[in-house]
Protein backbone atom coordinates (compact mmCIF):
# COMPACT_ATOMS: atom_id res chain seq x y z
CA MET A 1 0.00 0.01 0.00
CA LEU A 2 1.30 3.44 -0.93
CA ILE A 3 0.72 5.95 1.85
CA LEU A 4 0.70 9.64 0.93
CA THR A 5 0.34 12.82 2.98
CA ARG A 6 -1.49 15.66 1.26
CA SER A 7 -2.89 18.96 2.43
CA VAL A 8 -6.12 20.67 1.39
CA GLY A 9 -6.21 21.53 -2.31
CA LYS A 10 -3.48 19.03 -3.21
CA THR A 11 -4.02 16.27 -5.82
CA ILE A 12 -3.16 12.62 -6.21
CA ARG A 13 -3.17 11.17 -9.72
CA ILE A 14 -3.72 7.54 -10.62
CA GLY A 15 -2.58 6.89 -14.15
CA ASP A 16 -3.68 9.41 -16.78
CA ASP A 17 -7.43 9.27 -16.02
CA ILE A 18 -8.02 9.43 -12.27
CA GLU A 19 -7.55 12.42 -10.05
CA ILE A 20 -8.17 12.62 -6.30
CA VAL A 21 -8.25 16.04 -4.65
CA ILE A 22 -8.29 16.71 -0.94
CA LEU A 23 -11.15 19.17 -0.48
CA ARG A 24 -11.43 19.54 3.28
CA ILE A 25 -10.04 18.16 6.48
CA ASN A 26 -12.17 18.41 9.59
CA GLY A 27 -10.86 16.55 12.67
CA ASN A 28 -10.59 12.90 11.68
CA GLN A 29 -12.70 13.29 8.51
CA VAL A 30 -11.28 14.06 5.07
CA ARG A 31 -13.45 15.10 2.15
CA VAL A 32 -12.06 14.04 -1.17
CA GLY A 33 -13.12 14.63 -4.74
CA VAL A 34 -12.60 11.94 -7.33
CA SER A 35 -12.56 12.55 -11.05
CA ALA A 36 -12.57 9.40 -13.18
CA PRO A 37 -13.86 8.35 -16.59
CA PRO A 38 -17.44 7.03 -16.69
CA HIS A 39 -16.28 3.42 -17.19
CA VAL A 40 -14.40 3.47 -13.85
CA MET A 41 -16.65 2.63 -10.94
CA VAL A 42 -15.96 4.72 -7.82
CA HIS A 43 -17.63 3.73 -4.52
CA ARG A 44 -17.12 4.04 -0.76
CA ASP A 45 -16.03 0.63 0.53
CA GLU A 46 -19.27 -0.07 2.38
CA VAL A 47 -21.24 0.58 -0.85
CA TYR A 48 -18.88 -1.59 -2.86
CA GLN A 49 -19.21 -4.46 -0.31
CA ARG A 50 -23.04 -4.26 -0.56
CA ILE A 51 -22.90 -4.37 -4.37
CA GLN A 52 -20.61 -7.37 -4.26
CA ALA A 53 -22.90 -9.17 -1.75
CA ASN A 54 -25.93 -8.50 -3.91
CA GLN A 55 -24.22 -9.80 -7.00
CA SER A 56 -23.25 -13.05 -5.29
CA GLN A 57 -26.79 -13.80 -4.13
CA PRO A 58 -28.78 -16.18 -6.36
CA SER A 59 -31.78 -14.60 -8.10
């Protein structure tokens, strides 16, 4: 795992297409903005886990 320290307004790039911007830091919460192409799914982990659980359930 790569660990980075960024301050408000700073950006992290992943490849050519994905940009993560630190928007606000308030105590132990960080607000981030994510720009990615439409074909890249971006979810919070708890949402992703729910999607995965729903896909593995038989219809």
